[in-house]
Amino acid sequence: MKIIAINGSPRRTGNTAAYLRKALEGAASVGAETECIDLYTLHYKGCLSCFYCKRKDKEHGVCIVKDDLTPVLEKVKQADGVLFGSPIYFMNLTSGMQAFLERLLFSNYIYSREIPSVLGKKLPSAFVYTMNVTVEHAKEYHLQDSLAPYETFATNILGTVPHKLCAFNTLQFKDYSQYESSVFSEADKKAYYQKHHAEEMQQAFDLGKQLTLEGR
C-alpha cells in the first residue's frame, strides 16, 4: 500500500510541504508506505504536444519525454493514492504543478468517446491548496473557477472525485518587517494561524488516512 505526495511548491519546507507531510503521517498511521516528492528539485518540462501517447501503434498511457519526471510519473501510476499539493500563485497552481499534471493526466487520456482513461485502475487522489488570500478573497476572485478544470480532469482520468483541502490566509514570512507587505496585517494573519492551524493540520492527517482506506 503506497501513498505518494507531490509537492508543487518551490519551498521544500513551506506551508504546502507541511500539510502534505501531515497527510502522509495520517496515511502511515493506517499502514501505508509513504513518499513525498518535491517537484522543484527536478528538471522537467510540461507536455510537448507530440501526441506519442495517442498513437494507435504505441502503448497508451506512456509519456515519451525522458527527463527527471519520467520515474515520478511511473511511481504515481503504481501508487494506491496520490496527494497533489500546491500553493496558489496568481489565483492558480504553480507552473511546476501545472506542468506535472499536463504530463500525468494528458498521457493517460486518449481521444476516445468510449475510453476516457487508459490508466487501467481507479486512483484515489486529493488536492491540497495553500494560499495567502482569505476565504472571502478566494470567493471574490472566483478562485474555484481556476482550479475546477484540474479537478475535473483528475476525476475523469483517475476515476474518482478528488478530495480537497484548502488552507487560507497562510503565513508567508517569519518576519514581515523585512518585506514590503503593507496590504496584509501581520497581526490578523498570526491570529488566524493560532485559531485555525491545528484544526487544518488535523484535517490533513485525516485526509491521509481516508485516502489510504479508499486505496485498499
C-alpha atoms as a PDB file:
ATOM      1  CA  MET A   1       0.000   0.000   0.000  1.00  0.00           C
ATOM      2  CA  LYS A   2       1.701   3.217  -1.207  1.00  0.00           C
ATOM      3  CA  ILE A   3       0.583   6.834  -0.922  1.00  0.00           C
ATOM      4  CA  ILE A   4       2.611   9.482  -2.744  1.00  0.00           C
ATOM      5  CA  ALA A   5       2.525  13.229  -2.155  1.00  0.00           C
ATOM      6  CA  ILE A   6       3.598  15.582  -4.929  1.00  0.00           C
ATOM      7  CA  ASN A   7       4.829  18.903  -3.571  1.00  0.00           C
ATOM      8  CA  GLY A   8       4.321  21.577  -6.207  1.00  0.00           C
ATOM      9  CA  SER A   9       5.847  24.318  -4.089  1.00  0.00           C
ATOM     10  CA  PRO A  10       9.374  25.652  -4.620  1.00  0.00           C
ATOM     11  CA  ARG A  11       9.646  25.770  -0.827  1.00  0.00           C
ATOM     12  CA  ARG A  12      10.594  22.315   0.374  1.00  0.00           C
ATOM     13  CA  THR A  13       9.783  23.172   3.996  1.00  0.00           C
ATOM     14  CA  GLY A  14       6.959  25.675   3.449  1.00  0.00           C
ATOM     15  CA  ASN A  15       3.247  25.564   4.138  1.00  0.00           C
ATOM     16  CA  THR A  16       2.360  23.152   1.346  1.00  0.00           C
ATOM     17  CA  ALA A  17       5.057  20.685   2.347  1.00  0.00           C
ATOM     18  CA  ALA A  18       3.902  20.810   5.973  1.00  0.00           C
ATOM     19  CA  TYR A  19       0.318  19.909   5.095  1.00  0.00           C
ATOM     20  CA  LEU A  20       1.397  17.161   2.722  1.00  0.00           C
ATOM     21  CA  ARG A  21       3.709  15.590   5.264  1.00  0.00           C
ATOM     22  CA  LYS A  22       0.958  15.704   7.900  1.00  0.00           C
ATOM     23  CA  ALA A  23      -1.334  13.927   5.433  1.00  0.00           C
ATOM     24  CA  LEU A  24       1.349  11.298   4.897  1.00  0.00           C
ATOM     25  CA  GLU A  25       1.564  10.857   8.664  1.00  0.00           C
ATOM     26  CA  GLY A  26      -2.134  10.064   8.589  1.00  0.00           C
ATOM     27  CA  ALA A  27      -1.600   7.566   5.783  1.00  0.00           C
ATOM     28  CA  ALA A  28       1.258   5.913   7.643  1.00  0.00           C
ATOM     29  CA  SER A  29      -0.888   5.641  10.780  1.00  0.00           C
ATOM     30  CA  VAL A  30      -3.122   3.150   8.983  1.00  0.00           C
ATOM     31  CA  GLY A  31      -0.292   1.160   7.450  1.00  0.00           C
ATOM     32  CA  ALA A  32       0.622   2.919   4.213  1.00  0.00           C
ATOM     33  CA  GLU A  33       4.122   3.270   2.853  1.00  0.00           C
ATOM     34  CA  THR A  34       4.595   6.953   2.006  1.00  0.00           C
ATOM     35  CA  GLU A  35       6.801   9.199  -0.097  1.00  0.00           C
ATOM     36  CA  CYS A  36       6.892  12.941  -0.714  1.00  0.00           C
ATOM     37  CA  ILE A  37       8.373  14.174  -3.992  1.00  0.00           C
ATOM     38  CA  ASP A  38       9.448  17.821  -4.318  1.00  0.00           C
ATOM     39  CA  LEU A  39       8.872  18.839  -7.926  1.00  0.00           C
ATOM     40  CA  TYR A  40      11.132  21.871  -7.774  1.00  0.00           C
ATOM     41  CA  THR A  41      14.203  19.691  -7.180  1.00  0.00           C
ATOM     42  CA  LEU A  42      13.634  18.077 -10.592  1.00  0.00           C
ATOM     43  CA  HIS A  43      14.433  19.171 -14.130  1.00  0.00           C
ATOM     44  CA  TYR A  44      11.473  18.652 -16.453  1.00  0.00           C
ATOM     45  CA  LYS A  45       9.083  20.294 -18.886  1.00  0.00           C
ATOM     46  CA  GLY A  46       5.366  20.278 -19.399  1.00  0.00           C
ATOM     47  CA  CYS A  47       3.622  18.450 -22.230  1.00  0.00           C
ATOM     48  CA  LEU A  48       5.318  18.948 -25.628  1.00  0.00           C
ATOM     49  CA  SER A  49       2.154  18.112 -27.604  1.00  0.00           C
ATOM     50  CA  CYS A  50       3.940  15.367 -29.523  1.00  0.00           C
ATOM     51  CA  PHE A  51       0.870  13.089 -29.277  1.00  0.00           C
ATOM     52  CA  TYR A  52       3.015   9.972 -28.845  1.00  0.00           C
ATOM     53  CA  CYS A  53       0.637   8.889 -26.087  1.00  0.00           C
ATOM     54  CA  LYS A  54      -2.265   8.969 -28.597  1.00  0.00           C
ATOM     55  CA  ARG A  55      -0.587   6.861 -31.307  1.00  0.00           C
ATOM     56  CA  LYS A  56      -2.527   3.718 -32.218  1.00  0.00           C
ATOM     57  CA  ASP A  57       0.708   1.794 -32.792  1.00  0.00           C
ATOM     58  CA  LYS A  58       2.199   2.706 -29.383  1.00  0.00           C
ATOM     59  CA  GLU A  59       1.442   1.768 -25.802  1.00  0.00           C
ATOM     60  CA  HIS A  60      -1.138   4.145 -24.402  1.00  0.00           C
ATOM     61  CA  GLY A  61      -0.513   5.864 -21.082  1.00  0.00           C
ATOM     62  CA  VAL A  62       3.186   6.419 -21.733  1.00  0.00           C
ATOM     63  CA  CYS A  63       4.738   9.876 -21.922  1.00  0.00           C
ATOM     64  CA  ILE A  64       7.677   9.610 -24.327  1.00  0.00           C
ATOM     65  CA  VAL A  65       9.522  12.634 -22.885  1.00  0.00           C
ATOM     66  CA  LYS A  66      12.532  11.456 -20.890  1.00  0.00           C
ATOM     67  CA  ASP A  67      13.615  13.670 -18.010  1.00  0.00           C
ATOM     68  CA  ASP A  68      13.544  13.742 -14.207  1.00  0.00           C
ATOM     69  CA  LEU A  69       9.754  13.452 -14.233  1.00  0.00           C
ATOM     70  CA  THR A  70       9.741  10.099 -16.040  1.00  0.00           C
ATOM     71  CA  PRO A  71      10.250   7.885 -12.940  1.00  0.00           C
ATOM     72  CA  VAL A  72       7.885  10.078 -10.914  1.00  0.00           C
ATOM     73  CA  LEU A  73       5.050   9.520 -13.387  1.00  0.00           C
ATOM     74  CA  GLU A  74       5.587   5.780 -13.138  1.00  0.00           C
ATOM     75  CA  LYS A  75       5.603   5.913  -9.335  1.00  0.00           C
ATOM     76  CA  VAL A  76       2.304   7.761  -9.293  1.00  0.00           C
ATOM     77  CA  LYS A  77       0.711   5.286 -11.695  1.00  0.00           C
ATOM     78  CA  GLN A  78       1.821   2.407  -9.471  1.00  0.00           C
ATOM     79  CA  ALA A  79       0.663   4.079  -6.251  1.00  0.00           C
ATOM     80  CA  ASP A  80      -2.585   3.392  -4.408  1.00  0.00           C
ATOM     81  CA  GLY A  81      -3.297   7.066  -3.754  1.00  0.00           C
ATOM     82  CA  VAL A  82      -1.807  10.446  -4.593  1.00  0.00           C
ATOM     83  CA  LEU A  83      -1.828  13.902  -2.998  1.00  0.00           C
ATOM     84  CA  PHE A  84      -1.283  16.933  -5.226  1.00  0.00           C
ATOM     85  CA  GLY A  85      -0.083  19.892  -3.177  1.00  0.00           C
ATOM     86  CA  SER A  86       0.347  23.414  -4.476  1.00  0.00           C
ATOM     87  CA  PRO A  87       0.441  26.951  -3.163  1.00  0.00           C
ATOM     88  CA  ILE A  88      -1.776  29.315  -5.111  1.00  0.00           C
ATOM     89  CA  TYR A  89       0.188  31.858  -7.156  1.00  0.00           C
ATOM     90  CA  PHE A  90      -1.814  34.489  -9.035  1.00  0.00           C
ATOM     91  CA  MET A  91      -5.007  32.523  -8.362  1.00  0.00           C
ATOM     92  CA  ASN A  92      -3.764  29.285  -9.865  1.00  0.00           C
ATOM     93  CA  LEU A  93      -1.496  26.284  -9.317  1.00  0.00           C
ATOM     94  CA  THR A  94       2.238  26.791  -9.547  1.00  0.00           C
ATOM     95  CA  SER A  95       3.750  26.385 -13.001  1.00  0.00           C
ATOM     96  CA  GLY A  96       5.617  23.311 -11.755  1.00  0.00           C
ATOM     97  CA  MET A  97       2.399  21.589 -10.684  1.00  0.00           C
ATOM     98  CA  GLN A  98       0.618  22.555 -13.893  1.00  0.00           C
ATOM     99  CA  ALA A  99       3.439  21.054 -15.965  1.00  0.00           C
ATOM    100  CA  PHE A 100       3.357  17.886 -13.866  1.00  0.00           C
ATOM    101  CA  LEU A 101      -0.410  17.485 -14.256  1.00  0.00           C
ATOM    102  CA  GLU A 102      -0.124  18.030 -18.009  1.00  0.00           C
ATOM    103  CA  ARG A 103       2.333  15.153 -18.260  1.00  0.00           C
ATOM    104  CA  LEU A 104       0.452  12.820 -15.899  1.00  0.00           C
ATOM    105  CA  LEU A 105      -3.130  13.388 -16.948  1.00  0.00           C
ATOM    106  CA  PHE A 106      -2.757  14.011 -20.686  1.00  0.00           C
ATOM    107  CA  SER A 107      -0.658  10.896 -21.237  1.00  0.00           C
ATOM    108  CA  ASN A 108      -3.375   8.764 -19.653  1.00  0.00           C
ATOM    109  CA  TYR A 109      -6.157  10.337 -21.705  1.00  0.00           C
ATOM    110  CA  ILE A 110      -6.881   9.407 -25.318  1.00  0.00           C
ATOM    111  CA  TYR A 111      -9.275  10.988 -27.752  1.00  0.00           C
ATOM    112  CA  SER A 112     -11.887   8.274 -27.407  1.00  0.00           C
ATOM    113  CA  ARG A 113     -15.543   8.717 -26.503  1.00  0.00           C
ATOM    114  CA  GLU A 114     -15.654   5.198 -25.083  1.00  0.00           C
ATOM    115  CA  ILE A 115     -12.370   5.216 -23.164  1.00  0.00           C
ATOM    116  CA  PRO A 116     -11.799   8.395 -21.126  1.00  0.00           C
ATOM    117  CA  SER A 117      -8.749   6.962 -19.365  1.00  0.00           C
ATOM    118  CA  VAL A 118      -6.085   4.353 -20.079  1.00  0.00           C
ATOM    119  CA  LEU A 119      -4.705   4.367 -16.535  1.00  0.00           C
ATOM    120  CA  GLY A 120      -6.187   0.923 -16.002  1.00  0.00           C
ATOM    121  CA  LYS A 121      -7.435   1.474 -12.482  1.00  0.00           C
ATOM    122  CA  LYS A 122      -9.058   3.954 -10.139  1.00  0.00           C
ATOM    123  CA  LEU A 123      -6.532   6.087  -8.290  1.00  0.00           C
ATOM    124  CA  PRO A 124      -7.859   7.968  -5.230  1.00  0.00           C
ATOM    125  CA  SER A 125      -6.469  11.485  -5.068  1.00  0.00           C
ATOM    126  CA  ALA A 126      -6.618  14.767  -3.194  1.00  0.00           C
ATOM    127  CA  PHE A 127      -5.680  18.365  -3.910  1.00  0.00           C
ATOM    128  CA  VAL A 128      -4.077  20.310  -1.074  1.00  0.00           C
ATOM    129  CA  TYR A 129      -4.117  24.057  -1.699  1.00  0.00           C
ATOM    130  CA  THR A 130      -2.326  26.618   0.448  1.00  0.00           C
ATOM    131  CA  MET A 131      -2.842  30.308  -0.161  1.00  0.00           C
ATOM    132  CA  ASN A 132      -2.126  33.725   1.202  1.00  0.00           C
ATOM    133  CA  VAL A 133      -5.630  35.025   0.495  1.00  0.00           C
ATOM    134  CA  THR A 134      -8.566  34.782   2.875  1.00  0.00           C
ATOM    135  CA  VAL A 135     -11.700  32.725   2.304  1.00  0.00           C
ATOM    136  CA  GLU A 136     -13.527  35.916   1.369  1.00  0.00           C
ATOM    137  CA  HIS A 137     -10.902  36.940  -1.196  1.00  0.00           C
ATOM    138  CA  ALA A 138     -10.891  33.463  -2.726  1.00  0.00           C
ATOM    139  CA  LYS A 139     -14.636  33.758  -3.305  1.00  0.00           C
ATOM    140  CA  GLU A 140     -14.352  37.333  -4.583  1.00  0.00           C
ATOM    141  CA  TYR A 141     -11.707  36.346  -7.144  1.00  0.00           C
ATOM    142  CA  HIS A 142     -13.582  33.159  -8.136  1.00  0.00           C
ATOM    143  CA  LEU A 143     -10.579  31.012  -7.304  1.00  0.00           C
ATOM    144  CA  GLN A 144     -12.539  27.798  -7.705  1.00  0.00           C
ATOM    145  CA  ASP A 145     -13.111  28.624 -11.374  1.00  0.00           C
ATOM    146  CA  SER A 146      -9.330  28.491 -11.935  1.00  0.00           C
ATOM    147  CA  LEU A 147      -8.904  25.185 -10.128  1.00  0.00           C
ATOM    148  CA  ALA A 148     -12.012  23.355 -11.314  1.00  0.00           C
ATOM    149  CA  PRO A 149     -10.561  22.124 -14.660  1.00  0.00           C
ATOM    150  CA  TYR A 150      -7.725  20.265 -12.922  1.00  0.00           C
ATOM    151  CA  GLU A 151     -10.151  18.636 -10.511  1.00  0.00           C
ATOM    152  CA  THR A 152     -12.473  17.668 -13.355  1.00  0.00           C
ATOM    153  CA  PHE A 153      -9.682  16.084 -15.410  1.00  0.00           C
ATOM    154  CA  ALA A 154      -8.448  14.250 -12.317  1.00  0.00           C
ATOM    155  CA  THR A 155     -11.961  12.905 -11.768  1.00  0.00           C
ATOM    156  CA  ASN A 156     -12.283  11.663 -15.340  1.00  0.00           C
ATOM    157  CA  ILE A 157      -8.782  10.263 -15.795  1.00  0.00           C
ATOM    158  CA  LEU A 158      -8.013   8.932 -12.305  1.00  0.00           C
ATOM    159  CA  GLY A 159     -11.526   7.528 -11.965  1.00  0.00           C
ATOM    160  CA  THR A 160     -12.636   9.096  -8.683  1.00  0.00           C
ATOM    161  CA  VAL A 161     -13.603  12.562  -7.481  1.00  0.00           C
ATOM    162  CA  PRO A 162     -10.568  14.046  -5.719  1.00  0.00           C
ATOM    163  CA  HIS A 163     -10.744  15.195  -2.133  1.00  0.00           C
ATOM    164  CA  LYS A 164      -9.804  18.785  -1.415  1.00  0.00           C
ATOM    165  CA  LEU A 165      -8.204  20.655   1.471  1.00  0.00           C
ATOM    166  CA  CYS A 166      -7.818  24.442   1.386  1.00  0.00           C
ATOM    167  CA  ALA A 167      -5.555  26.284   3.817  1.00  0.00           C
ATOM    168  CA  PHE A 168      -6.355  30.001   3.622  1.00  0.00           C
ATOM    169  CA  ASN A 169      -4.589  33.111   4.890  1.00  0.00           C
ATOM    170  CA  THR A 170      -1.251  31.373   5.414  1.00  0.00           C
ATOM    171  CA  LEU A 171       1.829  32.992   6.880  1.00  0.00           C
ATOM    172  CA  GLN A 172       4.380  33.728   4.153  1.00  0.00           C
ATOM    173  CA  PHE A 173       7.231  35.205   6.187  1.00  0.00           C
ATOM    174  CA  LYS A 174       8.782  34.582   9.563  1.00  0.00           C
ATOM    175  CA  ASP A 175       9.492  38.294   9.902  1.00  0.00           C
ATOM    176  CA  TYR A 176       7.100  40.540   7.983  1.00  0.00           C
ATOM    177  CA  SER A 177       9.172  43.625   8.798  1.00  0.00           C
ATOM    178  CA  GLN A 178      11.803  42.514   6.268  1.00  0.00           C
ATOM    179  CA  TYR A 179       9.385  42.587   3.331  1.00  0.00           C
ATOM    180  CA  GLU A 180       7.086  45.074   1.676  1.00  0.00           C
ATOM    181  CA  SER A 181       3.717  43.631   2.657  1.00  0.00           C
ATOM    182  CA  SER A 182       1.564  46.556   3.740  1.00  0.00           C
ATOM    183  CA  VAL A 183      -1.543  45.076   2.098  1.00  0.00           C
ATOM    184  CA  PHE A 184      -1.542  42.442   4.847  1.00  0.00           C
ATOM    185  CA  SER A 185      -1.994  42.657   8.574  1.00  0.00           C
ATOM    186  CA  GLU A 186       0.652  40.546  10.265  1.00  0.00           C
ATOM    187  CA  ALA A 187      -1.346  40.573  13.497  1.00  0.00           C
ATOM    188  CA  ASP A 188      -4.504  39.347  11.744  1.00  0.00           C
ATOM    189  CA  LYS A 189      -2.589  36.625   9.953  1.00  0.00           C
ATOM    190  CA  LYS A 190      -0.974  35.369  13.129  1.00  0.00           C
ATOM    191  CA  ALA A 191      -4.321  35.413  14.919  1.00  0.00           C
ATOM    192  CA  TYR A 192      -5.847  33.355  12.101  1.00  0.00           C
ATOM    193  CA  TYR A 193      -2.936  30.921  12.295  1.00  0.00           C
ATOM    194  CA  GLN A 194      -3.362  30.462  16.037  1.00  0.00           C
ATOM    195  CA  LYS A 195      -7.080  29.834  15.639  1.00  0.00           C
ATOM    196  CA  HIS A 196      -7.123  27.527  12.617  1.00  0.00           C
ATOM    197  CA  HIS A 197      -3.726  25.916  12.029  1.00  0.00           C
ATOM    198  CA  ALA A 198      -4.063  22.982  14.420  1.00  0.00           C
ATOM    199  CA  GLU A 199      -7.510  22.175  13.069  1.00  0.00           C
ATOM    200  CA  GLU A 200      -6.294  22.310   9.464  1.00  0.00           C
ATOM    201  CA  MET A 201      -3.351  20.055  10.230  1.00  0.00           C
ATOM    202  CA  GLN A 202      -5.747  17.541  11.770  1.00  0.00           C
ATOM    203  CA  GLN A 203      -7.814  17.728   8.596  1.00  0.00           C
ATOM    204  CA  ALA A 204      -4.674  16.940   6.607  1.00  0.00           C
ATOM    205  CA  PHE A 205      -3.887  13.983   8.875  1.00  0.00           C
ATOM    206  CA  ASP A 206      -7.436  12.649   8.487  1.00  0.00           C
ATOM    207  CA  LEU A 207      -7.253  13.168   4.724  1.00  0.00           C
ATOM    208  CA  GLY A 208      -4.198  10.942   4.506  1.00  0.00           C
ATOM    209  CA  LYS A 209      -5.977   8.232   6.468  1.00  0.00           C
ATOM    210  CA  GLN A 210      -9.078   8.449   4.291  1.00  0.00           C
ATOM    211  CA  LEU A 211      -7.095   8.291   1.057  1.00  0.00           C
ATOM    212  CA  THR A 212      -5.296   5.180   2.291  1.00  0.00           C
ATOM    213  CA  LEU A 213      -8.505   3.410   3.233  1.00  0.00           C
ATOM    214  CA  GLU A 214     -10.020   4.224  -0.157  1.00  0.00           C
ATOM    215  CA  GLY A 215      -6.960   2.895  -1.963  1.00  0.00           C
ATOM    216  CA  ARG A 216      -7.092  -0.537  -0.375  1.00  0.00           C
END
